[in-house]
PDBML (XML) file of the C-alpha atoms, coordinates in Angstrom:
<?xml version="1.0" encoding="UTF-8" ?>
<PDBx:datablock datablockName="MODEL"
   xmlns:PDBx="http://pdbml.pdb.org/schema/pdbx-v50.xsd"
   xmlns:xsi="http://www.w3.org/2001/XMLSchema-instance"
   xsi:schemaLocation="http://pdbml.pdb.org/schema/pdbx-v50.xsd pdbx-v50.xsd">
   <PDBx:atom_siteCategory>
      <PDBx:atom_site id="1">
         <PDBx:B_iso_or_equiv>0.00</PDBx:B_iso_or_equiv>
         <PDBx:Cartn_x>0.859</PDBx:Cartn_x>
         <PDBx:Cartn_y>3.328</PDBx:Cartn_y>
         <PDBx:Cartn_z>4.174</PDBx:Cartn_z>
         <PDBx:auth_asym_id>A</PDBx:auth_asym_id>
         <PDBx:auth_atom_id>CA</PDBx:auth_atom_id>
         <PDBx:auth_comp_id>CYS</PDBx:auth_comp_id>
         <PDBx:auth_seq_id>1</PDBx:auth_seq_id>
         <PDBx:group_PDB>ATOM</PDBx:group_PDB>
         <PDBx:label_alt_id xsi:nil="true" />
         <PDBx:label_asym_id>A</PDBx:label_asym_id>
         <PDBx:label_atom_id>CA</PDBx:label_atom_id>
         <PDBx:label_comp_id>CYS</PDBx:label_comp_id>
         <PDBx:label_entity_id>1</PDBx:label_entity_id>
         <PDBx:label_seq_id>1</PDBx:label_seq_id>
         <PDBx:occupancy>1.00</PDBx:occupancy>
         <PDBx:pdbx_PDB_model_num>1</PDBx:pdbx_PDB_model_num>
         <PDBx:type_symbol>C</PDBx:type_symbol>
      </PDBx:atom_site>
      <PDBx:atom_site id="2">
         <PDBx:B_iso_or_equiv>0.00</PDBx:B_iso_or_equiv>
         <PDBx:Cartn_x>2.914</PDBx:Cartn_x>
         <PDBx:Cartn_y>0.352</PDBx:Cartn_y>
         <PDBx:Cartn_z>5.725</PDBx:Cartn_z>
         <PDBx:auth_asym_id>A</PDBx:auth_asym_id>
         <PDBx:auth_atom_id>CA</PDBx:auth_atom_id>
         <PDBx:auth_comp_id>ALA</PDBx:auth_comp_id>
         <PDBx:auth_seq_id>2</PDBx:auth_seq_id>
         <PDBx:group_PDB>ATOM</PDBx:group_PDB>
         <PDBx:label_alt_id xsi:nil="true" />
         <PDBx:label_asym_id>A</PDBx:label_asym_id>
         <PDBx:label_atom_id>CA</PDBx:label_atom_id>
         <PDBx:label_comp_id>ALA</PDBx:label_comp_id>
         <PDBx:label_entity_id>1</PDBx:label_entity_id>
         <PDBx:label_seq_id>2</PDBx:label_seq_id>
         <PDBx:occupancy>1.00</PDBx:occupancy>
         <PDBx:pdbx_PDB_model_num>1</PDBx:pdbx_PDB_model_num>
         <PDBx:type_symbol>C</PDBx:type_symbol>
      </PDBx:atom_site>
      <PDBx:atom_site id="3">
         <PDBx:B_iso_or_equiv>0.00</PDBx:B_iso_or_equiv>
         <PDBx:Cartn_x>2.755</PDBx:Cartn_x>
         <PDBx:Cartn_y>-3.651</PDBx:Cartn_y>
         <PDBx:Cartn_z>5.741</PDBx:Cartn_z>
         <PDBx:auth_asym_id>A</PDBx:auth_asym_id>
         <PDBx:auth_atom_id>CA</PDBx:auth_atom_id>
         <PDBx:auth_comp_id>GLY</PDBx:auth_comp_id>
         <PDBx:auth_seq_id>3</PDBx:auth_seq_id>
         <PDBx:group_PDB>ATOM</PDBx:group_PDB>
         <PDBx:label_alt_id xsi:nil="true" />
         <PDBx:label_asym_id>A</PDBx:label_asym_id>
         <PDBx:label_atom_id>CA</PDBx:label_atom_id>
         <PDBx:label_comp_id>GLY</PDBx:label_comp_id>
         <PDBx:label_entity_id>1</PDBx:label_entity_id>
         <PDBx:label_seq_id>3</PDBx:label_seq_id>
         <PDBx:occupancy>1.00</PDBx:occupancy>
         <PDBx:pdbx_PDB_model_num>1</PDBx:pdbx_PDB_model_num>
         <PDBx:type_symbol>C</PDBx:type_symbol>
      </PDBx:atom_site>
      <PDBx:atom_site id="4">
         <PDBx:B_iso_or_equiv>0.00</PDBx:B_iso_or_equiv>
         <PDBx:Cartn_x>0.984</PDBx:Cartn_x>
         <PDBx:Cartn_y>-4.415</PDBx:Cartn_y>
         <PDBx:Cartn_z>9.160</PDBx:Cartn_z>
         <PDBx:auth_asym_id>A</PDBx:auth_asym_id>
         <PDBx:auth_atom_id>CA</PDBx:auth_atom_id>
         <PDBx:auth_comp_id>GLY</PDBx:auth_comp_id>
         <PDBx:auth_seq_id>4</PDBx:auth_seq_id>
         <PDBx:group_PDB>ATOM</PDBx:group_PDB>
         <PDBx:label_alt_id xsi:nil="true" />
         <PDBx:label_asym_id>A</PDBx:label_asym_id>
         <PDBx:label_atom_id>CA</PDBx:label_atom_id>
         <PDBx:label_comp_id>GLY</PDBx:label_comp_id>
         <PDBx:label_entity_id>1</PDBx:label_entity_id>
         <PDBx:label_seq_id>4</PDBx:label_seq_id>
         <PDBx:occupancy>1.00</PDBx:occupancy>
         <PDBx:pdbx_PDB_model_num>1</PDBx:pdbx_PDB_model_num>
         <PDBx:type_symbol>C</PDBx:type_symbol>
      </PDBx:atom_site>
      <PDBx:atom_site id="5">
         <PDBx:B_iso_or_equiv>0.00</PDBx:B_iso_or_equiv>
         <PDBx:Cartn_x>3.631</PDBx:Cartn_x>
         <PDBx:Cartn_y>-8.389</PDBx:Cartn_y>
         <PDBx:Cartn_z>9.488</PDBx:Cartn_z>
         <PDBx:auth_asym_id>A</PDBx:auth_asym_id>
         <PDBx:auth_atom_id>CA</PDBx:auth_atom_id>
         <PDBx:auth_comp_id>ARG</PDBx:auth_comp_id>
         <PDBx:auth_seq_id>5</PDBx:auth_seq_id>
         <PDBx:group_PDB>ATOM</PDBx:group_PDB>
         <PDBx:label_alt_id xsi:nil="true" />
         <PDBx:label_asym_id>A</PDBx:label_asym_id>
         <PDBx:label_atom_id>CA</PDBx:label_atom_id>
         <PDBx:label_comp_id>ARG</PDBx:label_comp_id>
         <PDBx:label_entity_id>1</PDBx:label_entity_id>
         <PDBx:label_seq_id>5</PDBx:label_seq_id>
         <PDBx:occupancy>1.00</PDBx:occupancy>
         <PDBx:pdbx_PDB_model_num>1</PDBx:pdbx_PDB_model_num>
         <PDBx:type_symbol>C</PDBx:type_symbol>
      </PDBx:atom_site>
      <PDBx:atom_site id="6">
         <PDBx:B_iso_or_equiv>0.00</PDBx:B_iso_or_equiv>
         <PDBx:Cartn_x>4.548</PDBx:Cartn_x>
         <PDBx:Cartn_y>-9.571</PDBx:Cartn_y>
         <PDBx:Cartn_z>5.896</PDBx:Cartn_z>
         <PDBx:auth_asym_id>A</PDBx:auth_asym_id>
         <PDBx:auth_atom_id>CA</PDBx:auth_atom_id>
         <PDBx:auth_comp_id>GLY</PDBx:auth_comp_id>
         <PDBx:auth_seq_id>6</PDBx:auth_seq_id>
         <PDBx:group_PDB>ATOM</PDBx:group_PDB>
         <PDBx:label_alt_id xsi:nil="true" />
         <PDBx:label_asym_id>A</PDBx:label_asym_id>
         <PDBx:label_atom_id>CA</PDBx:label_atom_id>
         <PDBx:label_comp_id>GLY</PDBx:label_comp_id>
         <PDBx:label_entity_id>1</PDBx:label_entity_id>
         <PDBx:label_seq_id>6</PDBx:label_seq_id>
         <PDBx:occupancy>1.00</PDBx:occupancy>
         <PDBx:pdbx_PDB_model_num>1</PDBx:pdbx_PDB_model_num>
         <PDBx:type_symbol>C</PDBx:type_symbol>
      </PDBx:atom_site>
      <PDBx:atom_site id="7">
         <PDBx:B_iso_or_equiv>0.00</PDBx:B_iso_or_equiv>
         <PDBx:Cartn_x>5.525</PDBx:Cartn_x>
         <PDBx:Cartn_y>-9.179</PDBx:Cartn_y>
         <PDBx:Cartn_z>2.166</PDBx:Cartn_z>
         <PDBx:auth_asym_id>A</PDBx:auth_asym_id>
         <PDBx:auth_atom_id>CA</PDBx:auth_atom_id>
         <PDBx:auth_comp_id>GLU</PDBx:auth_comp_id>
         <PDBx:auth_seq_id>7</PDBx:auth_seq_id>
         <PDBx:group_PDB>ATOM</PDBx:group_PDB>
         <PDBx:label_alt_id xsi:nil="true" />
         <PDBx:label_asym_id>A</PDBx:label_asym_id>
         <PDBx:label_atom_id>CA</PDBx:label_atom_id>
         <PDBx:label_comp_id>GLU</PDBx:label_comp_id>
         <PDBx:label_entity_id>1</PDBx:label_entity_id>
         <PDBx:label_seq_id>7</PDBx:label_seq_id>
         <PDBx:occupancy>1.00</PDBx:occupancy>
         <PDBx:pdbx_PDB_model_num>1</PDBx:pdbx_PDB_model_num>
         <PDBx:type_symbol>C</PDBx:type_symbol>
      </PDBx:atom_site>
      <PDBx:atom_site id="8">
         <PDBx:B_iso_or_equiv>0.00</PDBx:B_iso_or_equiv>
         <PDBx:Cartn_x>2.831</PDBx:Cartn_x>
         <PDBx:Cartn_y>-9.496</PDBx:Cartn_y>
         <PDBx:Cartn_z>1.033</PDBx:Cartn_z>
         <PDBx:auth_asym_id>A</PDBx:auth_asym_id>
         <PDBx:auth_atom_id>CA</PDBx:auth_atom_id>
         <PDBx:auth_comp_id>LEU</PDBx:auth_comp_id>
         <PDBx:auth_seq_id>8</PDBx:auth_seq_id>
         <PDBx:group_PDB>ATOM</PDBx:group_PDB>
         <PDBx:label_alt_id xsi:nil="true" />
         <PDBx:label_asym_id>A</PDBx:label_asym_id>
         <PDBx:label_atom_id>CA</PDBx:label_atom_id>
         <PDBx:label_comp_id>LEU</PDBx:label_comp_id>
         <PDBx:label_entity_id>1</PDBx:label_entity_id>
         <PDBx:label_seq_id>8</PDBx:label_seq_id>
         <PDBx:occupancy>1.00</PDBx:occupancy>
         <PDBx:pdbx_PDB_model_num>1</PDBx:pdbx_PDB_model_num>
         <PDBx:type_symbol>C</PDBx:type_symbol>
      </PDBx:atom_site>
      <PDBx:atom_site id="9">
         <PDBx:B_iso_or_equiv>0.00</PDBx:B_iso_or_equiv>
         <PDBx:Cartn_x>0.782</PDBx:Cartn_x>
         <PDBx:Cartn_y>-6.901</PDBx:Cartn_y>
         <PDBx:Cartn_z>3.451</PDBx:Cartn_z>
         <PDBx:auth_asym_id>A</PDBx:auth_asym_id>
         <PDBx:auth_atom_id>CA</PDBx:auth_atom_id>
         <PDBx:auth_comp_id>ASP</PDBx:auth_comp_id>
         <PDBx:auth_seq_id>9</PDBx:auth_seq_id>
         <PDBx:group_PDB>ATOM</PDBx:group_PDB>
         <PDBx:label_alt_id xsi:nil="true" />
         <PDBx:label_asym_id>A</PDBx:label_asym_id>
         <PDBx:label_atom_id>CA</PDBx:label_atom_id>
         <PDBx:label_comp_id>ASP</PDBx:label_comp_id>
         <PDBx:label_entity_id>1</PDBx:label_entity_id>
         <PDBx:label_seq_id>9</PDBx:label_seq_id>
         <PDBx:occupancy>1.00</PDBx:occupancy>
         <PDBx:pdbx_PDB_model_num>1</PDBx:pdbx_PDB_model_num>
         <PDBx:type_symbol>C</PDBx:type_symbol>
      </PDBx:atom_site>
      <PDBx:atom_site id="10">
         <PDBx:B_iso_or_equiv>0.00</PDBx:B_iso_or_equiv>
         <PDBx:Cartn_x>3.658</PDBx:Cartn_x>
         <PDBx:Cartn_y>-4.481</PDBx:Cartn_y>
         <PDBx:Cartn_z>1.866</PDBx:Cartn_z>
         <PDBx:auth_asym_id>A</PDBx:auth_asym_id>
         <PDBx:auth_atom_id>CA</PDBx:auth_atom_id>
         <PDBx:auth_comp_id>ASP</PDBx:auth_comp_id>
         <PDBx:auth_seq_id>10</PDBx:auth_seq_id>
         <PDBx:group_PDB>ATOM</PDBx:group_PDB>
         <PDBx:label_alt_id xsi:nil="true" />
         <PDBx:label_asym_id>A</PDBx:label_asym_id>
         <PDBx:label_atom_id>CA</PDBx:label_atom_id>
         <PDBx:label_comp_id>ASP</PDBx:label_comp_id>
         <PDBx:label_entity_id>1</PDBx:label_entity_id>
         <PDBx:label_seq_id>10</PDBx:label_seq_id>
         <PDBx:occupancy>1.00</PDBx:occupancy>
         <PDBx:pdbx_PDB_model_num>1</PDBx:pdbx_PDB_model_num>
         <PDBx:type_symbol>C</PDBx:type_symbol>
      </PDBx:atom_site>
      <PDBx:atom_site id="11">
         <PDBx:B_iso_or_equiv>0.00</PDBx:B_iso_or_equiv>
         <PDBx:Cartn_x>2.208</PDBx:Cartn_x>
         <PDBx:Cartn_y>-5.589</PDBx:Cartn_y>
         <PDBx:Cartn_z>-1.521</PDBx:Cartn_z>
         <PDBx:auth_asym_id>A</PDBx:auth_asym_id>
         <PDBx:auth_atom_id>CA</PDBx:auth_atom_id>
         <PDBx:auth_comp_id>ALA</PDBx:auth_comp_id>
         <PDBx:auth_seq_id>11</PDBx:auth_seq_id>
         <PDBx:group_PDB>ATOM</PDBx:group_PDB>
         <PDBx:label_alt_id xsi:nil="true" />
         <PDBx:label_asym_id>A</PDBx:label_asym_id>
         <PDBx:label_atom_id>CA</PDBx:label_atom_id>
         <PDBx:label_comp_id>ALA</PDBx:label_comp_id>
         <PDBx:label_entity_id>1</PDBx:label_entity_id>
         <PDBx:label_seq_id>11</PDBx:label_seq_id>
         <PDBx:occupancy>1.00</PDBx:occupancy>
         <PDBx:pdbx_PDB_model_num>1</PDBx:pdbx_PDB_model_num>
         <PDBx:type_symbol>C</PDBx:type_symbol>
      </PDBx:atom_site>
      <PDBx:atom_site id="12">
         <PDBx:B_iso_or_equiv>0.00</PDBx:B_iso_or_equiv>
         <PDBx:Cartn_x>-1.639</PDBx:Cartn_x>
         <PDBx:Cartn_y>-4.287</PDBx:Cartn_y>
         <PDBx:Cartn_z>-0.373</PDBx:Cartn_z>
         <PDBx:auth_asym_id>A</PDBx:auth_asym_id>
         <PDBx:auth_atom_id>CA</PDBx:auth_atom_id>
         <PDBx:auth_comp_id>ALA</PDBx:auth_comp_id>
         <PDBx:auth_seq_id>12</PDBx:auth_seq_id>
         <PDBx:group_PDB>ATOM</PDBx:group_PDB>
         <PDBx:label_alt_id xsi:nil="true" />
         <PDBx:label_asym_id>A</PDBx:label_asym_id>
         <PDBx:label_atom_id>CA</PDBx:label_atom_id>
         <PDBx:label_comp_id>ALA</PDBx:label_comp_id>
         <PDBx:label_entity_id>1</PDBx:label_entity_id>
         <PDBx:label_seq_id>12</PDBx:label_seq_id>
         <PDBx:occupancy>1.00</PDBx:occupancy>
         <PDBx:pdbx_PDB_model_num>1</PDBx:pdbx_PDB_model_num>
         <PDBx:type_symbol>C</PDBx:type_symbol>
      </PDBx:atom_site>
      <PDBx:atom_site id="13">
         <PDBx:B_iso_or_equiv>0.00</PDBx:B_iso_or_equiv>
         <PDBx:Cartn_x>0.197</PDBx:Cartn_x>
         <PDBx:Cartn_y>-0.803</PDBx:Cartn_y>
         <PDBx:Cartn_z>1.069</PDBx:Cartn_z>
         <PDBx:auth_asym_id>A</PDBx:auth_asym_id>
         <PDBx:auth_atom_id>CA</PDBx:auth_atom_id>
         <PDBx:auth_comp_id>ALA</PDBx:auth_comp_id>
         <PDBx:auth_seq_id>13</PDBx:auth_seq_id>
         <PDBx:group_PDB>ATOM</PDBx:group_PDB>
         <PDBx:label_alt_id xsi:nil="true" />
         <PDBx:label_asym_id>A</PDBx:label_asym_id>
         <PDBx:label_atom_id>CA</PDBx:label_atom_id>
         <PDBx:label_comp_id>ALA</PDBx:label_comp_id>
         <PDBx:label_entity_id>1</PDBx:label_entity_id>
         <PDBx:label_seq_id>13</PDBx:label_seq_id>
         <PDBx:occupancy>1.00</PDBx:occupancy>
         <PDBx:pdbx_PDB_model_num>1</PDBx:pdbx_PDB_model_num>
         <PDBx:type_symbol>C</PDBx:type_symbol>
      </PDBx:atom_site>
      <PDBx:atom_site id="14">
         <PDBx:B_iso_or_equiv>0.00</PDBx:B_iso_or_equiv>
         <PDBx:Cartn_x>1.892</PDBx:Cartn_x>
         <PDBx:Cartn_y>-0.331</PDBx:Cartn_y>
         <PDBx:Cartn_z>-2.279</PDBx:Cartn_z>
         <PDBx:auth_asym_id>A</PDBx:auth_asym_id>
         <PDBx:auth_atom_id>CA</PDBx:auth_atom_id>
         <PDBx:auth_comp_id>ALA</PDBx:auth_comp_id>
         <PDBx:auth_seq_id>14</PDBx:auth_seq_id>
         <PDBx:group_PDB>ATOM</PDBx:group_PDB>
         <PDBx:label_alt_id xsi:nil="true" />
         <PDBx:label_asym_id>A</PDBx:label_asym_id>
         <PDBx:label_atom_id>CA</PDBx:label_atom_id>
         <PDBx:label_comp_id>ALA</PDBx:label_comp_id>
         <PDBx:label_entity_id>1</PDBx:label_entity_id>
         <PDBx:label_seq_id>14</PDBx:label_seq_id>
         <PDBx:occupancy>1.00</PDBx:occupancy>
         <PDBx:pdbx_PDB_model_num>1</PDBx:pdbx_PDB_model_num>
         <PDBx:type_symbol>C</PDBx:type_symbol>
      </PDBx:atom_site>
      <PDBx:atom_site id="15">
         <PDBx:B_iso_or_equiv>0.00</PDBx:B_iso_or_equiv>
         <PDBx:Cartn_x>-1.538</PDBx:Cartn_x>
         <PDBx:Cartn_y>-0.812</PDBx:Cartn_y>
         <PDBx:Cartn_z>-4.639</PDBx:Cartn_z>
         <PDBx:auth_asym_id>A</PDBx:auth_asym_id>
         <PDBx:auth_atom_id>CA</PDBx:auth_atom_id>
         <PDBx:auth_comp_id>MET</PDBx:auth_comp_id>
         <PDBx:auth_seq_id>15</PDBx:auth_seq_id>
         <PDBx:group_PDB>ATOM</PDBx:group_PDB>
         <PDBx:label_alt_id xsi:nil="true" />
         <PDBx:label_asym_id>A</PDBx:label_asym_id>
         <PDBx:label_atom_id>CA</PDBx:label_atom_id>
         <PDBx:label_comp_id>MET</PDBx:label_comp_id>
         <PDBx:label_entity_id>1</PDBx:label_entity_id>
         <PDBx:label_seq_id>15</PDBx:label_seq_id>
         <PDBx:occupancy>1.00</PDBx:occupancy>
         <PDBx:pdbx_PDB_model_num>1</PDBx:pdbx_PDB_model_num>
         <PDBx:type_symbol>C</PDBx:type_symbol>
      </PDBx:atom_site>
      <PDBx:atom_site id="16">
         <PDBx:B_iso_or_equiv>0.00</PDBx:B_iso_or_equiv>
         <PDBx:Cartn_x>-3.163</PDBx:Cartn_x>
         <PDBx:Cartn_y>1.453</PDBx:Cartn_y>
         <PDBx:Cartn_z>-1.487</PDBx:Cartn_z>
         <PDBx:auth_asym_id>A</PDBx:auth_asym_id>
         <PDBx:auth_atom_id>CA</PDBx:auth_atom_id>
         <PDBx:auth_comp_id>LEU</PDBx:auth_comp_id>
         <PDBx:auth_seq_id>16</PDBx:auth_seq_id>
         <PDBx:group_PDB>ATOM</PDBx:group_PDB>
         <PDBx:label_alt_id xsi:nil="true" />
         <PDBx:label_asym_id>A</PDBx:label_asym_id>
         <PDBx:label_atom_id>CA</PDBx:label_atom_id>
         <PDBx:label_comp_id>LEU</PDBx:label_comp_id>
         <PDBx:label_entity_id>1</PDBx:label_entity_id>
         <PDBx:label_seq_id>16</PDBx:label_seq_id>
         <PDBx:occupancy>1.00</PDBx:occupancy>
         <PDBx:pdbx_PDB_model_num>1</PDBx:pdbx_PDB_model_num>
         <PDBx:type_symbol>C</PDBx:type_symbol>
      </PDBx:atom_site>
      <PDBx:atom_site id="17">
         <PDBx:B_iso_or_equiv>0.00</PDBx:B_iso_or_equiv>
         <PDBx:Cartn_x>-0.575</PDBx:Cartn_x>
         <PDBx:Cartn_y>3.856</PDBx:Cartn_y>
         <PDBx:Cartn_z>-2.385</PDBx:Cartn_z>
         <PDBx:auth_asym_id>A</PDBx:auth_asym_id>
         <PDBx:auth_atom_id>CA</PDBx:auth_atom_id>
         <PDBx:auth_comp_id>ALA</PDBx:auth_comp_id>
         <PDBx:auth_seq_id>17</PDBx:auth_seq_id>
         <PDBx:group_PDB>ATOM</PDBx:group_PDB>
         <PDBx:label_alt_id xsi:nil="true" />
         <PDBx:label_asym_id>A</PDBx:label_asym_id>
         <PDBx:label_atom_id>CA</PDBx:label_atom_id>
         <PDBx:label_comp_id>ALA</PDBx:label_comp_id>
         <PDBx:label_entity_id>1</PDBx:label_entity_id>
         <PDBx:label_seq_id>17</PDBx:label_seq_id>
         <PDBx:occupancy>1.00</PDBx:occupancy>
         <PDBx:pdbx_PDB_model_num>1</PDBx:pdbx_PDB_model_num>
         <PDBx:type_symbol>C</PDBx:type_symbol>
      </PDBx:atom_site>
      <PDBx:atom_site id="18">
         <PDBx:B_iso_or_equiv>0.00</PDBx:B_iso_or_equiv>
         <PDBx:Cartn_x>-1.036</PDBx:Cartn_x>
         <PDBx:Cartn_y>3.906</PDBx:Cartn_y>
         <PDBx:Cartn_z>-5.488</PDBx:Cartn_z>
         <PDBx:auth_asym_id>A</PDBx:auth_asym_id>
         <PDBx:auth_atom_id>CA</PDBx:auth_atom_id>
         <PDBx:auth_comp_id>GLN</PDBx:auth_comp_id>
         <PDBx:auth_seq_id>18</PDBx:auth_seq_id>
         <PDBx:group_PDB>ATOM</PDBx:group_PDB>
         <PDBx:label_alt_id xsi:nil="true" />
         <PDBx:label_asym_id>A</PDBx:label_asym_id>
         <PDBx:label_atom_id>CA</PDBx:label_atom_id>
         <PDBx:label_comp_id>GLN</PDBx:label_comp_id>
         <PDBx:label_entity_id>1</PDBx:label_entity_id>
         <PDBx:label_seq_id>18</PDBx:label_seq_id>
         <PDBx:occupancy>1.00</PDBx:occupancy>
         <PDBx:pdbx_PDB_model_num>1</PDBx:pdbx_PDB_model_num>
         <PDBx:type_symbol>C</PDBx:type_symbol>
      </PDBx:atom_site>
      <PDBx:atom_site id="19">
         <PDBx:B_iso_or_equiv>0.00</PDBx:B_iso_or_equiv>
         <PDBx:Cartn_x>-4.405</PDBx:Cartn_x>
         <PDBx:Cartn_y>4.865</PDBx:Cartn_y>
         <PDBx:Cartn_z>-5.478</PDBx:Cartn_z>
         <PDBx:auth_asym_id>A</PDBx:auth_asym_id>
         <PDBx:auth_atom_id>CA</PDBx:auth_atom_id>
         <PDBx:auth_comp_id>VAL</PDBx:auth_comp_id>
         <PDBx:auth_seq_id>19</PDBx:auth_seq_id>
         <PDBx:group_PDB>ATOM</PDBx:group_PDB>
         <PDBx:label_alt_id xsi:nil="true" />
         <PDBx:label_asym_id>A</PDBx:label_asym_id>
         <PDBx:label_atom_id>CA</PDBx:label_atom_id>
         <PDBx:label_comp_id>VAL</PDBx:label_comp_id>
         <PDBx:label_entity_id>1</PDBx:label_entity_id>
         <PDBx:label_seq_id>19</PDBx:label_seq_id>
         <PDBx:occupancy>1.00</PDBx:occupancy>
         <PDBx:pdbx_PDB_model_num>1</PDBx:pdbx_PDB_model_num>
         <PDBx:type_symbol>C</PDBx:type_symbol>
      </PDBx:atom_site>
      <PDBx:atom_site id="20">
         <PDBx:B_iso_or_equiv>0.00</PDBx:B_iso_or_equiv>
         <PDBx:Cartn_x>-3.831</PDBx:Cartn_x>
         <PDBx:Cartn_y>7.805</PDBx:Cartn_y>
         <PDBx:Cartn_z>-2.516</PDBx:Cartn_z>
         <PDBx:auth_asym_id>A</PDBx:auth_asym_id>
         <PDBx:auth_atom_id>CA</PDBx:auth_atom_id>
         <PDBx:auth_comp_id>LEU</PDBx:auth_comp_id>
         <PDBx:auth_seq_id>20</PDBx:auth_seq_id>
         <PDBx:group_PDB>ATOM</PDBx:group_PDB>
         <PDBx:label_alt_id xsi:nil="true" />
         <PDBx:label_asym_id>A</PDBx:label_asym_id>
         <PDBx:label_atom_id>CA</PDBx:label_atom_id>
         <PDBx:label_comp_id>LEU</PDBx:label_comp_id>
         <PDBx:label_entity_id>1</PDBx:label_entity_id>
         <PDBx:label_seq_id>20</PDBx:label_seq_id>
         <PDBx:occupancy>1.00</PDBx:occupancy>
         <PDBx:pdbx_PDB_model_num>1</PDBx:pdbx_PDB_model_num>
         <PDBx:type_symbol>C</PDBx:type_symbol>
      </PDBx:atom_site>
      <PDBx:atom_site id="21">
         <PDBx:B_iso_or_equiv>0.00</PDBx:B_iso_or_equiv>
         <PDBx:Cartn_x>-1.858</PDBx:Cartn_x>
         <PDBx:Cartn_y>8.729</PDBx:Cartn_y>
         <PDBx:Cartn_z>-5.197</PDBx:Cartn_z>
         <PDBx:auth_asym_id>A</PDBx:auth_asym_id>
         <PDBx:auth_atom_id>CA</PDBx:auth_atom_id>
         <PDBx:auth_comp_id>GLU</PDBx:auth_comp_id>
         <PDBx:auth_seq_id>21</PDBx:auth_seq_id>
         <PDBx:group_PDB>ATOM</PDBx:group_PDB>
         <PDBx:label_alt_id xsi:nil="true" />
         <PDBx:label_asym_id>A</PDBx:label_asym_id>
         <PDBx:label_atom_id>CA</PDBx:label_atom_id>
         <PDBx:label_comp_id>GLU</PDBx:label_comp_id>
         <PDBx:label_entity_id>1</PDBx:label_entity_id>
         <PDBx:label_seq_id>21</PDBx:label_seq_id>
         <PDBx:occupancy>1.00</PDBx:occupancy>
         <PDBx:pdbx_PDB_model_num>1</PDBx:pdbx_PDB_model_num>
         <PDBx:type_symbol>C</PDBx:type_symbol>
      </PDBx:atom_site>
      <PDBx:atom_site id="22">
         <PDBx:B_iso_or_equiv>0.00</PDBx:B_iso_or_equiv>
         <PDBx:Cartn_x>-4.508</PDBx:Cartn_x>
         <PDBx:Cartn_y>9.302</PDBx:Cartn_y>
         <PDBx:Cartn_z>-8.139</PDBx:Cartn_z>
         <PDBx:auth_asym_id>A</PDBx:auth_asym_id>
         <PDBx:auth_atom_id>CA</PDBx:auth_atom_id>
         <PDBx:auth_comp_id>VAL</PDBx:auth_comp_id>
         <PDBx:auth_seq_id>22</PDBx:auth_seq_id>
         <PDBx:group_PDB>ATOM</PDBx:group_PDB>
         <PDBx:label_alt_id xsi:nil="true" />
         <PDBx:label_asym_id>A</PDBx:label_asym_id>
         <PDBx:label_atom_id>CA</PDBx:label_atom_id>
         <PDBx:label_comp_id>VAL</PDBx:label_comp_id>
         <PDBx:label_entity_id>1</PDBx:label_entity_id>
         <PDBx:label_seq_id>22</PDBx:label_seq_id>
         <PDBx:occupancy>1.00</PDBx:occupancy>
         <PDBx:pdbx_PDB_model_num>1</PDBx:pdbx_PDB_model_num>
         <PDBx:type_symbol>C</PDBx:type_symbol>
      </PDBx:atom_site>
      <PDBx:atom_site id="23">
         <PDBx:B_iso_or_equiv>0.00</PDBx:B_iso_or_equiv>
         <PDBx:Cartn_x>-6.464</PDBx:Cartn_x>
         <PDBx:Cartn_y>10.590</PDBx:Cartn_y>
         <PDBx:Cartn_z>-5.686</PDBx:Cartn_z>
         <PDBx:auth_asym_id>A</PDBx:auth_asym_id>
         <PDBx:auth_atom_id>CA</PDBx:auth_atom_id>
         <PDBx:auth_comp_id>GLN</PDBx:auth_comp_id>
         <PDBx:auth_seq_id>23</PDBx:auth_seq_id>
         <PDBx:group_PDB>ATOM</PDBx:group_PDB>
         <PDBx:label_alt_id xsi:nil="true" />
         <PDBx:label_asym_id>A</PDBx:label_asym_id>
         <PDBx:label_atom_id>CA</PDBx:label_atom_id>
         <PDBx:label_comp_id>GLN</PDBx:label_comp_id>
         <PDBx:label_entity_id>1</PDBx:label_entity_id>
         <PDBx:label_seq_id>23</PDBx:label_seq_id>
         <PDBx:occupancy>1.00</PDBx:occupancy>
         <PDBx:pdbx_PDB_model_num>1</PDBx:pdbx_PDB_model_num>
         <PDBx:type_symbol>C</PDBx:type_symbol>
      </PDBx:atom_site>
      <PDBx:atom_site id="24">
         <PDBx:B_iso_or_equiv>0.00</PDBx:B_iso_or_equiv>
         <PDBx:Cartn_x>-3.768</PDBx:Cartn_x>
         <PDBx:Cartn_y>13.720</PDBx:Cartn_y>
         <PDBx:Cartn_z>-4.583</PDBx:Cartn_z>
         <PDBx:auth_asym_id>A</PDBx:auth_asym_id>
         <PDBx:auth_atom_id>CA</PDBx:auth_atom_id>
         <PDBx:auth_comp_id>GLY</PDBx:auth_comp_id>
         <PDBx:auth_seq_id>24</PDBx:auth_seq_id>
         <PDBx:group_PDB>ATOM</PDBx:group_PDB>
         <PDBx:label_alt_id xsi:nil="true" />
         <PDBx:label_asym_id>A</PDBx:label_asym_id>
         <PDBx:label_atom_id>CA</PDBx:label_atom_id>
         <PDBx:label_comp_id>GLY</PDBx:label_comp_id>
         <PDBx:label_entity_id>1</PDBx:label_entity_id>
         <PDBx:label_seq_id>24</PDBx:label_seq_id>
         <PDBx:occupancy>1.00</PDBx:occupancy>
         <PDBx:pdbx_PDB_model_num>1</PDBx:pdbx_PDB_model_num>
         <PDBx:type_symbol>C</PDBx:type_symbol>
      </PDBx:atom_site>
   </PDBx:atom_siteCategory>
</PDBx:datablock>
């Protein structure tokens, strides 16, 4: 999971990564 163009995109990518970890 990666952010596209800025720090806020990185934060959104971290949230997606945590949800994917919950799914295994």
